[in-house]
C-alpha cells in the first residue's frame, strides 16, 4: 500500500492531538468527519499507523533503562521473541554493532528493575550477556516527533484543540496523587488504542460509562502516560534508525538538548549513566545521512564527543507493539496488565 498526502496529513494531525474528535479534526483538515474515520480505520487495519499510550518513563517517578544484549547467533530469533514478550521491555531492536539487540525497559523503580526484571533475562536460553545504561533525564521522546506535512496554522489549530494527553512529562516539581487500581485498569485499553473512548472501555470492564469517563479524565490529566500516533517507519520517508552514544560536559546537557530539538529527525535524547552520558536517536533518509548528521551535531554542540554510532537492522517491538519485518504493526500489543478482569484482543490481534 502507498500512503497518500491526505493519509499523511491525518497521521500528522493525530501526532499533534492523538485523541481529537473526528468533527474537530474535520474542521482543521477540511475533510468530512466520516471520511477521516474511514481513512483511519484503513490505516490501522493495514498496520501503517496506530495510536497507543505507554508509561512516560520519566526518571523522577520510574526507571527507564537502555539495555544491550548479546546472544547466541542461532538462538537470536528465539531470544528476540522472548524479550519482546516481556511487558517491561517496550522496544526491541536488532543492531548493526558489537551488541546483538538493544532494549528500552521501563519499570516502576530501580529495585523492580534489579530484583524482578534482571532475573528474567538470566532465564532466557541463548542470552549470553547484557549491559545497562540508566536514563537520568529524558530531553526528547518519540511522542514529540512529527511528519510536519501540515501548515503552521493547521498545526497551531490542532495544538489548541489538543487535550492533556498531548502534553509532555510533568515538571520535576509537579506532585500528583497515585492513581487507584480502578484507574490503572484503563491503561491496557489505551495501550491497545490510544483513542479508546470511555464508552468502549466501560463496556469491556462492565462499568458505568459516566464512571469511566471521570476515571479516564483523571488518567489523561495525570500525565503518567505518553500518548502518540505512530507510523510504520517505511512510510515515514526516514527508513534508517541511528543511535549515537555521546559524551557531553555535565553542565551542557540542557543546551545540547535544546539544540537537538530543532532537528526534525530526532526521536529521542536522554542523559544516561554508563560509559557515555548522552544518547541521541534519529530517523534518517539513508545511510549517507549518518555522516552528515554527525557533522551537523558537532557544529550545533561544540564539545560533544560522539563515541559510537549504531544503525538498527530491524525493530521487533516499538513501545509495546510487535512489528512485522517491514515495520508495520502486527496487531499484537504486550503491556503490563492492569488489575481487574483480563482483557483480550480479537483473534489474531494479540492480547493484553
C-alpha atoms as a PDB file:
ATOM      1  CA  UNK A   1       0.000   0.000   0.000  1.00  0.00           C
ATOM      2  CA  UNK A   2       1.045   3.590  -0.565  1.00  0.00           C
ATOM      3  CA  UNK A   3       0.104   6.471   1.715  1.00  0.00           C
ATOM      4  CA  UNK A   4      -1.497   9.486   0.089  1.00  0.00           C
ATOM      5  CA  UNK A   5      -0.877  13.077   1.078  1.00  0.00           C
ATOM      6  CA  UNK A   6      -4.263  13.035   2.837  1.00  0.00           C
ATOM      7  CA  UNK A   7      -3.196   9.955   4.818  1.00  0.00           C
ATOM      8  CA  UNK A   8      -0.026  11.720   5.952  1.00  0.00           C
ATOM      9  CA  UNK A   9      -1.992  14.834   6.897  1.00  0.00           C
ATOM     10  CA  UNK A  10      -4.299  12.753   9.092  1.00  0.00           C
ATOM     11  CA  UNK A  11      -1.380  10.992  10.778  1.00  0.00           C
ATOM     12  CA  UNK A  12       0.324  14.335  11.393  1.00  0.00           C
ATOM     13  CA  UNK A  13      -2.892  15.654  12.952  1.00  0.00           C
ATOM     14  CA  UNK A  14      -3.086  12.686  15.335  1.00  0.00           C
ATOM     15  CA  UNK A  15       0.583  13.104  16.232  1.00  0.00           C
ATOM     16  CA  UNK A  16      -0.265  16.577  17.491  1.00  0.00           C
ATOM     17  CA  UNK A  17      -3.628  15.720  19.064  1.00  0.00           C
ATOM     18  CA  UNK A  18      -3.906  11.914  19.464  1.00  0.00           C
ATOM     19  CA  UNK A  19      -7.455  11.891  20.871  1.00  0.00           C
ATOM     20  CA  UNK A  20      -9.013  14.733  18.891  1.00  0.00           C
ATOM     21  CA  UNK A  21     -12.605  14.134  17.819  1.00  0.00           C
ATOM     22  CA  UNK A  22     -13.213  13.493  14.147  1.00  0.00           C
ATOM     23  CA  UNK A  23     -15.501  16.532  13.985  1.00  0.00           C
ATOM     24  CA  UNK A  24     -12.784  18.827  15.351  1.00  0.00           C
ATOM     25  CA  UNK A  25     -10.171  17.259  13.067  1.00  0.00           C
ATOM     26  CA  UNK A  26     -12.541  17.763  10.123  1.00  0.00           C
ATOM     27  CA  UNK A  27     -12.765  21.481  10.862  1.00  0.00           C
ATOM     28  CA  UNK A  28      -8.964  21.806  10.706  1.00  0.00           C
ATOM     29  CA  UNK A  29      -8.236  19.464   7.809  1.00  0.00           C
ATOM     30  CA  UNK A  30     -11.200  20.427   5.650  1.00  0.00           C
ATOM     31  CA  UNK A  31     -12.346  16.808   5.252  1.00  0.00           C
ATOM     32  CA  UNK A  32     -15.657  15.302   6.389  1.00  0.00           C
ATOM     33  CA  UNK A  33     -15.504  13.548   9.763  1.00  0.00           C
ATOM     34  CA  UNK A  34     -16.797  10.228   8.413  1.00  0.00           C
ATOM     35  CA  UNK A  35     -14.116  10.303   5.714  1.00  0.00           C
ATOM     36  CA  UNK A  36     -11.409  10.810   8.345  1.00  0.00           C
ATOM     37  CA  UNK A  37     -12.774   7.970  10.481  1.00  0.00           C
ATOM     38  CA  UNK A  38     -12.886   5.630   7.494  1.00  0.00           C
ATOM     39  CA  UNK A  39      -9.380   6.613   6.420  1.00  0.00           C
ATOM     40  CA  UNK A  40      -8.061   5.999   9.929  1.00  0.00           C
ATOM     41  CA  UNK A  41      -9.707   2.558  10.082  1.00  0.00           C
ATOM     42  CA  UNK A  42      -7.969   1.658   6.811  1.00  0.00           C
ATOM     43  CA  UNK A  43      -4.552   2.833   8.066  1.00  0.00           C
ATOM     44  CA  UNK A  44      -4.938   0.895  11.311  1.00  0.00           C
ATOM     45  CA  UNK A  45      -6.088  -2.278   9.558  1.00  0.00           C
ATOM     46  CA  UNK A  46      -3.018  -2.160   7.303  1.00  0.00           C
ATOM     47  CA  UNK A  47      -0.678  -1.606  10.262  1.00  0.00           C
ATOM     48  CA  UNK A  48       0.511   1.620   8.625  1.00  0.00           C
ATOM     49  CA  UNK A  49      -0.354   3.808  11.614  1.00  0.00           C
ATOM     50  CA  UNK A  50      -1.692   3.356  15.123  1.00  0.00           C
ATOM     51  CA  UNK A  51      -2.257   5.248  18.369  1.00  0.00           C
ATOM     52  CA  UNK A  52      -1.012   3.996  21.688  1.00  0.00           C
ATOM     53  CA  UNK A  53      -0.205   5.021  25.243  1.00  0.00           C
ATOM     54  CA  UNK A  54       2.587   3.777  27.465  1.00  0.00           C
ATOM     55  CA  UNK A  55       4.135   4.745  30.791  1.00  0.00           C
ATOM     56  CA  UNK A  56       6.030   8.002  30.415  1.00  0.00           C
ATOM     57  CA  UNK A  57       9.161   6.517  31.998  1.00  0.00           C
ATOM     58  CA  UNK A  58      10.170   9.854  33.483  1.00  0.00           C
ATOM     59  CA  UNK A  59      13.190   9.254  35.767  1.00  0.00           C
ATOM     60  CA  UNK A  60      11.588  11.275  38.568  1.00  0.00           C
ATOM     61  CA  UNK A  61       8.949   8.573  39.122  1.00  0.00           C
ATOM     62  CA  UNK A  62      10.118   5.497  37.170  1.00  0.00           C
ATOM     63  CA  UNK A  63      13.201   3.671  35.923  1.00  0.00           C
ATOM     64  CA  UNK A  64      13.974   3.840  32.203  1.00  0.00           C
ATOM     65  CA  UNK A  65      16.907   1.658  31.146  1.00  0.00           C
ATOM     66  CA  UNK A  66      18.704   1.091  27.850  1.00  0.00           C
ATOM     67  CA  UNK A  67      19.939  -2.496  27.777  1.00  0.00           C
ATOM     68  CA  UNK A  68      22.401  -4.014  25.294  1.00  0.00           C
ATOM     69  CA  UNK A  69      22.084  -7.769  24.822  1.00  0.00           C
ATOM     70  CA  UNK A  70      24.402 -10.389  23.320  1.00  0.00           C
ATOM     71  CA  UNK A  71      23.023 -13.780  22.372  1.00  0.00           C
ATOM     72  CA  UNK A  72      23.929 -16.968  20.526  1.00  0.00           C
ATOM     73  CA  UNK A  73      23.539 -16.355  16.806  1.00  0.00           C
ATOM     74  CA  UNK A  74      21.459 -19.458  16.145  1.00  0.00           C
ATOM     75  CA  UNK A  75      19.111 -18.571  19.006  1.00  0.00           C
ATOM     76  CA  UNK A  76      18.738 -14.877  18.205  1.00  0.00           C
ATOM     77  CA  UNK A  77      15.159 -15.200  16.862  1.00  0.00           C
ATOM     78  CA  UNK A  78      14.098 -17.076  19.997  1.00  0.00           C
ATOM     79  CA  UNK A  79      15.831 -14.582  22.294  1.00  0.00           C
ATOM     80  CA  UNK A  80      14.219 -11.692  20.423  1.00  0.00           C
ATOM     81  CA  UNK A  81      10.764 -13.253  20.766  1.00  0.00           C
ATOM     82  CA  UNK A  82      11.300 -13.968  24.477  1.00  0.00           C
ATOM     83  CA  UNK A  83      12.384 -10.396  25.157  1.00  0.00           C
ATOM     84  CA  UNK A  84       9.515  -8.923  23.134  1.00  0.00           C
ATOM     85  CA  UNK A  85       7.064 -10.936  25.249  1.00  0.00           C
ATOM     86  CA  UNK A  86       8.199  -9.182  28.453  1.00  0.00           C
ATOM     87  CA  UNK A  87       5.839  -6.245  29.126  1.00  0.00           C
ATOM     88  CA  UNK A  88       8.524  -4.082  30.747  1.00  0.00           C
ATOM     89  CA  UNK A  89      10.598  -4.306  27.553  1.00  0.00           C
ATOM     90  CA  UNK A  90       8.818  -1.681  25.493  1.00  0.00           C
ATOM     91  CA  UNK A  91      11.190  -1.647  22.498  1.00  0.00           C
ATOM     92  CA  UNK A  92      13.402  -4.349  20.940  1.00  0.00           C
ATOM     93  CA  UNK A  93      15.790  -3.567  18.076  1.00  0.00           C
ATOM     94  CA  UNK A  94      18.405  -5.608  16.225  1.00  0.00           C
ATOM     95  CA  UNK A  95      21.633  -3.618  15.954  1.00  0.00           C
ATOM     96  CA  UNK A  96      24.447  -3.480  13.420  1.00  0.00           C
ATOM     97  CA  UNK A  97      27.126  -3.156  16.097  1.00  0.00           C
ATOM     98  CA  UNK A  98      29.062  -5.092  18.701  1.00  0.00           C
ATOM     99  CA  UNK A  99      25.840  -5.902  20.540  1.00  0.00           C
ATOM    100  CA  UNK A 100      23.053  -8.036  19.066  1.00  0.00           C
ATOM    101  CA  UNK A 101      19.926  -6.432  20.476  1.00  0.00           C
ATOM    102  CA  UNK A 102      19.090  -3.111  22.081  1.00  0.00           C
ATOM    103  CA  UNK A 103      16.212  -2.821  24.530  1.00  0.00           C
ATOM    104  CA  UNK A 104      14.291   0.019  26.119  1.00  0.00           C
ATOM    105  CA  UNK A 105      12.924  -1.051  29.507  1.00  0.00           C
ATOM    106  CA  UNK A 106      10.556   0.775  31.863  1.00  0.00           C
ATOM    107  CA  UNK A 107       9.940  -0.393  35.433  1.00  0.00           C
ATOM    108  CA  UNK A 108       8.368   1.396  38.372  1.00  0.00           C
ATOM    109  CA  UNK A 109      11.700   1.860  40.133  1.00  0.00           C
ATOM    110  CA  UNK A 110      15.324   0.720  40.197  1.00  0.00           C
ATOM    111  CA  UNK A 111      14.570  -2.027  42.709  1.00  0.00           C
ATOM    112  CA  UNK A 112      11.982  -3.587  40.408  1.00  0.00           C
ATOM    113  CA  UNK A 113      14.475  -3.445  37.538  1.00  0.00           C
ATOM    114  CA  UNK A 114      17.221  -5.114  39.593  1.00  0.00           C
ATOM    115  CA  UNK A 115      15.180  -7.654  41.528  1.00  0.00           C
ATOM    116  CA  UNK A 116      12.402  -8.605  39.118  1.00  0.00           C
ATOM    117  CA  UNK A 117      13.431  -7.738  35.567  1.00  0.00           C
ATOM    118  CA  UNK A 118      17.114  -8.715  35.518  1.00  0.00           C
ATOM    119  CA  UNK A 119      16.440 -12.260  36.823  1.00  0.00           C
ATOM    120  CA  UNK A 120      14.094 -12.773  33.863  1.00  0.00           C
ATOM    121  CA  UNK A 121      16.969 -12.021  31.477  1.00  0.00           C
ATOM    122  CA  UNK A 122      19.054 -14.744  33.078  1.00  0.00           C
ATOM    123  CA  UNK A 123      16.317 -17.291  32.437  1.00  0.00           C
ATOM    124  CA  UNK A 124      16.241 -16.789  28.645  1.00  0.00           C
ATOM    125  CA  UNK A 125      18.117 -19.591  26.819  1.00  0.00           C
ATOM    126  CA  UNK A 126      20.713 -18.203  24.453  1.00  0.00           C
ATOM    127  CA  UNK A 127      21.014 -14.802  26.130  1.00  0.00           C
ATOM    128  CA  UNK A 128      24.690 -14.611  26.959  1.00  0.00           C
ATOM    129  CA  UNK A 129      25.373 -11.088  28.240  1.00  0.00           C
ATOM    130  CA  UNK A 130      23.673  -7.780  28.957  1.00  0.00           C
ATOM    131  CA  UNK A 131      24.866  -4.259  29.767  1.00  0.00           C
ATOM    132  CA  UNK A 132      22.719  -1.471  31.172  1.00  0.00           C
ATOM    133  CA  UNK A 133      22.625   2.318  30.992  1.00  0.00           C
ATOM    134  CA  UNK A 134      20.073   4.163  33.105  1.00  0.00           C
ATOM    135  CA  UNK A 135      18.350   7.338  31.949  1.00  0.00           C
ATOM    136  CA  UNK A 136      18.721  10.192  34.413  1.00  0.00           C
ATOM    137  CA  UNK A 137      16.758  12.677  32.313  1.00  0.00           C
ATOM    138  CA  UNK A 138      14.648  12.417  29.158  1.00  0.00           C
ATOM    139  CA  UNK A 139      15.001  15.505  26.983  1.00  0.00           C
ATOM    140  CA  UNK A 140      13.026  14.457  23.875  1.00  0.00           C
ATOM    141  CA  UNK A 141      10.837  11.413  23.262  1.00  0.00           C
ATOM    142  CA  UNK A 142       9.082   9.818  20.297  1.00  0.00           C
ATOM    143  CA  UNK A 143       5.687  11.304  21.126  1.00  0.00           C
ATOM    144  CA  UNK A 144       7.065  14.693  20.025  1.00  0.00           C
ATOM    145  CA  UNK A 145       8.284  13.515  16.592  1.00  0.00           C
ATOM    146  CA  UNK A 146       6.255  14.942  13.697  1.00  0.00           C
ATOM    147  CA  UNK A 147       5.811  14.377   9.974  1.00  0.00           C
ATOM    148  CA  UNK A 148       5.422  18.154   9.530  1.00  0.00           C
ATOM    149  CA  UNK A 149       3.242  17.978   6.420  1.00  0.00           C
ATOM    150  CA  UNK A 150       0.594  20.335   7.824  1.00  0.00           C
ATOM    151  CA  UNK A 151       0.811  24.101   7.617  1.00  0.00           C
ATOM    152  CA  UNK A 152       1.818  26.080  10.687  1.00  0.00           C
ATOM    153  CA  UNK A 153      -1.722  27.400  11.020  1.00  0.00           C
ATOM    154  CA  UNK A 154      -3.158  23.871  10.948  1.00  0.00           C
ATOM    155  CA  UNK A 155      -0.625  22.665  13.493  1.00  0.00           C
ATOM    156  CA  UNK A 156      -1.436  25.546  15.827  1.00  0.00           C
ATOM    157  CA  UNK A 157      -5.169  24.885  15.498  1.00  0.00           C
ATOM    158  CA  UNK A 158      -4.625  21.237  16.425  1.00  0.00           C
ATOM    159  CA  UNK A 159      -2.485  22.160  19.419  1.00  0.00           C
ATOM    160  CA  UNK A 160      -5.275  24.451  20.603  1.00  0.00           C
ATOM    161  CA  UNK A 161      -7.766  21.579  20.376  1.00  0.00           C
ATOM    162  CA  UNK A 162      -5.461  19.004  21.981  1.00  0.00           C
ATOM    163  CA  UNK A 163      -6.298  17.603  25.389  1.00  0.00           C
ATOM    164  CA  UNK A 164      -3.979  16.952  28.361  1.00  0.00           C
ATOM    165  CA  UNK A 165      -2.816  13.676  26.803  1.00  0.00           C
ATOM    166  CA  UNK A 166      -0.845  15.689  24.220  1.00  0.00           C
ATOM    167  CA  UNK A 167       1.345  17.286  26.900  1.00  0.00           C
ATOM    168  CA  UNK A 168       4.816  16.071  27.759  1.00  0.00           C
ATOM    169  CA  UNK A 169       6.010  14.690  31.084  1.00  0.00           C
ATOM    170  CA  UNK A 170       5.134  16.657  34.242  1.00  0.00           C
ATOM    171  CA  UNK A 171       7.659  19.129  35.578  1.00  0.00           C
ATOM    172  CA  UNK A 172      10.015  17.896  38.269  1.00  0.00           C
ATOM    173  CA  UNK A 173       8.184  19.876  40.963  1.00  0.00           C
ATOM    174  CA  UNK A 174       4.736  18.600  39.986  1.00  0.00           C
ATOM    175  CA  UNK A 175       3.119  16.395  42.618  1.00  0.00           C
ATOM    176  CA  UNK A 176       0.114  14.200  41.885  1.00  0.00           C
ATOM    177  CA  UNK A 177      -1.632  11.592  43.983  1.00  0.00           C
ATOM    178  CA  UNK A 178      -1.126   7.954  42.925  1.00  0.00           C
ATOM    179  CA  UNK A 179      -3.901   6.581  40.754  1.00  0.00           C
ATOM    180  CA  UNK A 180      -6.068   3.853  42.336  1.00  0.00           C
ATOM    181  CA  UNK A 181      -6.311   0.385  40.795  1.00  0.00           C
ATOM    182  CA  UNK A 182      -9.680   1.241  39.259  1.00  0.00           C
ATOM    183  CA  UNK A 183      -7.926   3.873  37.144  1.00  0.00           C
ATOM    184  CA  UNK A 184      -4.865   1.752  36.348  1.00  0.00           C
ATOM    185  CA  UNK A 185      -7.199  -0.820  34.807  1.00  0.00           C
ATOM    186  CA  UNK A 186      -7.728   1.606  31.921  1.00  0.00           C
ATOM    187  CA  UNK A 187      -4.045   1.510  30.901  1.00  0.00           C
ATOM    188  CA  UNK A 188      -4.163  -1.693  28.780  1.00  0.00           C
ATOM    189  CA  UNK A 189      -7.088  -0.371  26.735  1.00  0.00           C
ATOM    190  CA  UNK A 190      -5.233   2.853  25.976  1.00  0.00           C
ATOM    191  CA  UNK A 191      -2.102   0.910  25.038  1.00  0.00           C
ATOM    192  CA  UNK A 192      -4.139  -1.090  22.529  1.00  0.00           C
ATOM    193  CA  UNK A 193      -5.860   2.025  21.196  1.00  0.00           C
ATOM    194  CA  UNK A 194      -4.786   5.471  22.333  1.00  0.00           C
ATOM    195  CA  UNK A 195      -8.142   6.779  21.088  1.00  0.00           C
ATOM    196  CA  UNK A 196     -10.250   4.285  23.065  1.00  0.00           C
ATOM    197  CA  UNK A 197     -13.390   6.005  24.337  1.00  0.00           C
ATOM    198  CA  UNK A 198     -14.854   5.854  27.825  1.00  0.00           C
ATOM    199  CA  UNK A 199     -17.877   4.026  26.433  1.00  0.00           C
ATOM    200  CA  UNK A 200     -15.728   1.322  24.824  1.00  0.00           C
ATOM    201  CA  UNK A 201     -13.676   0.820  27.985  1.00  0.00           C
ATOM    202  CA  UNK A 202     -16.797   0.799  30.162  1.00  0.00           C
ATOM    203  CA  UNK A 203     -18.370  -1.971  28.088  1.00  0.00           C
ATOM    204  CA  UNK A 204     -15.233  -4.122  28.369  1.00  0.00           C
ATOM    205  CA  UNK A 205     -14.864  -3.577  32.133  1.00  0.00           C
ATOM    206  CA  UNK A 206     -18.573  -3.765  32.940  1.00  0.00           C
ATOM    207  CA  UNK A 207     -18.595  -0.305  34.487  1.00  0.00           C
ATOM    208  CA  UNK A 208     -20.931   2.645  34.123  1.00  0.00           C
ATOM    209  CA  UNK A 209     -19.840   4.939  31.253  1.00  0.00           C
ATOM    210  CA  UNK A 210     -20.028   8.065  33.435  1.00  0.00           C
ATOM    211  CA  UNK A 211     -17.723   6.446  35.989  1.00  0.00           C
ATOM    212  CA  UNK A 212     -15.170   5.514  33.358  1.00  0.00           C
ATOM    213  CA  UNK A 213     -15.428   8.999  31.827  1.00  0.00           C
ATOM    214  CA  UNK A 214     -14.360  10.506  35.162  1.00  0.00           C
ATOM    215  CA  UNK A 215     -11.604   7.933  35.592  1.00  0.00           C
ATOM    216  CA  UNK A 216     -10.355   8.480  32.052  1.00  0.00           C
ATOM    217  CA  UNK A 217     -10.216  12.214  32.593  1.00  0.00           C
ATOM    218  CA  UNK A 218      -8.039  11.750  35.647  1.00  0.00           C
ATOM    219  CA  UNK A 219      -5.763   9.298  33.821  1.00  0.00           C
ATOM    220  CA  UNK A 220      -5.274  11.745  30.955  1.00  0.00           C
ATOM    221  CA  UNK A 221      -4.580  14.633  33.324  1.00  0.00           C
ATOM    222  CA  UNK A 222      -2.074  12.633  35.401  1.00  0.00           C
ATOM    223  CA  UNK A 223       0.431  12.671  32.511  1.00  0.00           C
ATOM    224  CA  UNK A 224       1.711   9.288  33.612  1.00  0.00           C
ATOM    225  CA  UNK A 225       1.073   8.004  30.093  1.00  0.00           C
ATOM    226  CA  UNK A 226       2.741   9.097  26.883  1.00  0.00           C
ATOM    227  CA  UNK A 227       0.202   9.185  24.035  1.00  0.00           C
ATOM    228  CA  UNK A 228       1.408   9.028  20.462  1.00  0.00           C
ATOM    229  CA  UNK A 229       0.373   8.295  16.920  1.00  0.00           C
ATOM    230  CA  UNK A 230       2.974   6.007  15.338  1.00  0.00           C
ATOM    231  CA  UNK A 231       3.626   5.466  11.655  1.00  0.00           C
ATOM    232  CA  UNK A 232       5.282   2.421  10.111  1.00  0.00           C
ATOM    233  CA  UNK A 233       8.815   3.636   9.531  1.00  0.00           C
ATOM    234  CA  UNK A 234       8.874   2.624   5.876  1.00  0.00           C
ATOM    235  CA  UNK A 235       6.109   5.169   5.191  1.00  0.00           C
ATOM    236  CA  UNK A 236       7.810   7.995   7.088  1.00  0.00           C
ATOM    237  CA  UNK A 237      10.442   8.870   4.401  1.00  0.00           C
ATOM    238  CA  UNK A 238      13.048   8.094   7.082  1.00  0.00           C
ATOM    239  CA  UNK A 239      13.676   4.325   6.949  1.00  0.00           C
ATOM    240  CA  UNK A 240      17.039   4.318   8.781  1.00  0.00           C
ATOM    241  CA  UNK A 241      17.313   4.437  12.586  1.00  0.00           C
ATOM    242  CA  UNK A 242      20.642   5.544  14.044  1.00  0.00           C
ATOM    243  CA  UNK A 243      21.591   5.855  17.699  1.00  0.00           C
ATOM    244  CA  UNK A 244      24.607   7.775  18.949  1.00  0.00           C
ATOM    245  CA  UNK A 245      26.341   7.236  22.277  1.00  0.00           C
ATOM    246  CA  UNK A 246      27.942  10.538  23.207  1.00  0.00           C
ATOM    247  CA  UNK A 247      29.692  12.406  25.982  1.00  0.00           C
ATOM    248  CA  UNK A 248      28.572  15.944  26.824  1.00  0.00           C
ATOM    249  CA  UNK A 249      30.034  18.040  29.661  1.00  0.00           C
ATOM    250  CA  UNK A 250      27.625  17.696  32.632  1.00  0.00           C
ATOM    251  CA  UNK A 251      26.743  21.372  32.557  1.00  0.00           C
ATOM    252  CA  UNK A 252      25.963  21.256  28.844  1.00  0.00           C
ATOM    253  CA  UNK A 253      23.167  18.676  28.688  1.00  0.00           C
ATOM    254  CA  UNK A 254      20.259  21.127  28.641  1.00  0.00           C
ATOM    255  CA  UNK A 255      21.898  23.278  25.986  1.00  0.00           C
ATOM    256  CA  UNK A 256      22.656  20.209  23.870  1.00  0.00           C
ATOM    257  CA  UNK A 257      19.062  19.001  24.183  1.00  0.00           C
ATOM    258  CA  UNK A 258      17.750  22.429  23.171  1.00  0.00           C
ATOM    259  CA  UNK A 259      19.894  22.413  20.035  1.00  0.00           C
ATOM    260  CA  UNK A 260      18.756  18.912  19.105  1.00  0.00           C
ATOM    261  CA  UNK A 261      15.063  19.742  19.495  1.00  0.00           C
ATOM    262  CA  UNK A 262      15.475  21.956  16.445  1.00  0.00           C
ATOM    263  CA  UNK A 263      16.494  18.928  14.336  1.00  0.00           C
ATOM    264  CA  UNK A 264      13.332  17.335  12.898  1.00  0.00           C
ATOM    265  CA  UNK A 265      14.897  13.876  12.602  1.00  0.00           C
ATOM    266  CA  UNK A 266      15.411  13.489  16.362  1.00  0.00           C
ATOM    267  CA  UNK A 267      13.248  10.831  18.022  1.00  0.00           C
ATOM    268  CA  UNK A 268      14.879  10.567  21.457  1.00  0.00           C
ATOM    269  CA  UNK A 269      17.533  12.283  23.545  1.00  0.00           C
ATOM    270  CA  UNK A 270      18.432  11.490  27.127  1.00  0.00           C
ATOM    271  CA  UNK A 271      21.126  11.861  29.741  1.00  0.00           C
ATOM    272  CA  UNK A 272      22.383   8.481  30.939  1.00  0.00           C
ATOM    273  CA  UNK A 273      24.739   6.655  33.230  1.00  0.00           C
ATOM    274  CA  UNK A 274      27.443   4.351  31.873  1.00  0.00           C
ATOM    275  CA  UNK A 275      30.424   4.607  29.550  1.00  0.00           C
ATOM    276  CA  UNK A 276      28.797   7.613  27.862  1.00  0.00           C
ATOM    277  CA  UNK A 277      26.384  10.132  29.333  1.00  0.00           C
ATOM    278  CA  UNK A 278      24.145  11.217  26.439  1.00  0.00           C
ATOM    279  CA  UNK A 279      22.067   9.277  23.897  1.00  0.00           C
ATOM    280  CA  UNK A 280      20.624  10.521  20.600  1.00  0.00           C
ATOM    281  CA  UNK A 281      18.258   8.543  18.351  1.00  0.00           C
ATOM    282  CA  UNK A 282      17.208   9.765  14.910  1.00  0.00           C
ATOM    283  CA  UNK A 283      15.272   8.546  11.899  1.00  0.00           C
ATOM    284  CA  UNK A 284      17.217   9.293   8.715  1.00  0.00           C
ATOM    285  CA  UNK A 285      16.568   9.097   4.982  1.00  0.00           C
ATOM    286  CA  UNK A 286      19.623   6.992   4.114  1.00  0.00           C
ATOM    287  CA  UNK A 287      22.894   5.644   5.473  1.00  0.00           C
ATOM    288  CA  UNK A 288      24.669   8.567   3.811  1.00  0.00           C
ATOM    289  CA  UNK A 289      22.807  10.866   6.202  1.00  0.00           C
ATOM    290  CA  UNK A 290      24.609   9.349   9.214  1.00  0.00           C
ATOM    291  CA  UNK A 291      27.859  11.174   8.485  1.00  0.00           C
ATOM    292  CA  UNK A 292      26.076  14.380   7.512  1.00  0.00           C
ATOM    293  CA  UNK A 293      24.123  14.334  10.750  1.00  0.00           C
ATOM    294  CA  UNK A 294      27.266  13.706  12.797  1.00  0.00           C
ATOM    295  CA  UNK A 295      28.819  16.808  11.260  1.00  0.00           C
ATOM    296  CA  UNK A 296      25.651  18.798  11.956  1.00  0.00           C
ATOM    297  CA  UNK A 297      25.575  17.640  15.593  1.00  0.00           C
ATOM    298  CA  UNK A 298      29.176  18.652  16.153  1.00  0.00           C
ATOM    299  CA  UNK A 299      28.525  22.067  14.607  1.00  0.00           C
ATOM    300  CA  UNK A 300      25.480  22.632  16.800  1.00  0.00           C
ATOM    301  CA  UNK A 301      27.036  21.295  20.022  1.00  0.00           C
ATOM    302  CA  UNK A 302      30.687  22.265  20.449  1.00  0.00           C
ATOM    303  CA  UNK A 303      32.484  19.924  22.798  1.00  0.00           C
ATOM    304  CA  UNK A 304      30.243  16.923  22.193  1.00  0.00           C
ATOM    305  CA  UNK A 305      32.108  13.630  21.735  1.00  0.00           C
ATOM    306  CA  UNK A 306      30.320  11.128  19.513  1.00  0.00           C
ATOM    307  CA  UNK A 307      31.741   7.873  20.839  1.00  0.00           C
ATOM    308  CA  UNK A 308      29.748   5.373  18.774  1.00  0.00           C
ATOM    309  CA  UNK A 309      27.008   5.280  16.155  1.00  0.00           C
ATOM    310  CA  UNK A 310      24.702   2.278  15.815  1.00  0.00           C
ATOM    311  CA  UNK A 311      22.342   1.623  12.903  1.00  0.00           C
ATOM    312  CA  UNK A 312      19.337  -0.581  13.576  1.00  0.00           C
ATOM    313  CA  UNK A 313      18.718  -3.503  11.238  1.00  0.00           C
ATOM    314  CA  UNK A 314      15.219  -4.299  12.415  1.00  0.00           C
ATOM    315  CA  UNK A 315      12.673  -3.255  15.039  1.00  0.00           C
ATOM    316  CA  UNK A 316      10.781  -6.178  16.525  1.00  0.00           C
ATOM    317  CA  UNK A 317       8.816  -4.134  19.054  1.00  0.00           C
ATOM    318  CA  UNK A 318       8.164  -0.425  19.485  1.00  0.00           C
ATOM    319  CA  UNK A 319       6.539   0.981  22.628  1.00  0.00           C
ATOM    320  CA  UNK A 320       4.704  -2.253  23.304  1.00  0.00           C
ATOM    321  CA  UNK A 321       3.599  -3.044  19.741  1.00  0.00           C
ATOM    322  CA  UNK A 322       5.035  -6.048  17.927  1.00  0.00           C
ATOM    323  CA  UNK A 323       6.063  -5.110  14.402  1.00  0.00           C
ATOM    324  CA  UNK A 324       6.434  -7.106  11.205  1.00  0.00           C
ATOM    325  CA  UNK A 325       9.780  -7.132   9.337  1.00  0.00           C
ATOM    326  CA  UNK A 326       8.539  -4.321   7.070  1.00  0.00           C
ATOM    327  CA  UNK A 327       7.916  -2.054  10.139  1.00  0.00           C
ATOM    328  CA  UNK A 328       4.104  -2.249  10.029  1.00  0.00           C
ATOM    329  CA  UNK A 329       2.149  -3.118  13.167  1.00  0.00           C
ATOM    330  CA  UNK A 330       1.308  -6.791  13.548  1.00  0.00           C
ATOM    331  CA  UNK A 331      -1.717  -6.010  15.720  1.00  0.00           C
ATOM    332  CA  UNK A 332      -0.266  -7.651  18.842  1.00  0.00           C
ATOM    333  CA  UNK A 333       0.426  -5.469  21.882  1.00  0.00           C
ATOM    334  CA  UNK A 334       2.321  -6.506  25.012  1.00  0.00           C
ATOM    335  CA  UNK A 335       1.662  -4.320  28.053  1.00  0.00           C
ATOM    336  CA  UNK A 336       1.751  -4.675  31.813  1.00  0.00           C
ATOM    337  CA  UNK A 337      -1.767  -5.942  32.613  1.00  0.00           C
ATOM    338  CA  UNK A 338      -3.875  -3.703  34.768  1.00  0.00           C
ATOM    339  CA  UNK A 339      -5.720  -5.052  37.804  1.00  0.00           C
ATOM    340  CA  UNK A 340      -9.175  -6.479  37.382  1.00  0.00           C
ATOM    341  CA  UNK A 341     -10.568  -8.646  34.572  1.00  0.00           C
ATOM    342  CA  UNK A 342      -8.250  -9.966  31.918  1.00  0.00           C
ATOM    343  CA  UNK A 343      -8.600  -8.045  28.671  1.00  0.00           C
ATOM    344  CA  UNK A 344      -8.085  -9.948  25.439  1.00  0.00           C
ATOM    345  CA  UNK A 345      -7.746  -8.715  21.897  1.00  0.00           C
ATOM    346  CA  UNK A 346      -9.649 -10.096  18.953  1.00  0.00           C
ATOM    347  CA  UNK A 347      -8.398 -13.351  17.433  1.00  0.00           C
ATOM    348  CA  UNK A 348      -5.183 -12.728  15.549  1.00  0.00           C
ATOM    349  CA  UNK A 349      -4.736  -9.288  17.093  1.00  0.00           C
ATOM    350  CA  UNK A 350      -2.815 -10.277  20.197  1.00  0.00           C
ATOM    351  CA  UNK A 351      -3.870  -9.745  23.791  1.00  0.00           C
ATOM    352  CA  UNK A 352      -3.042  -7.681  26.825  1.00  0.00           C
END
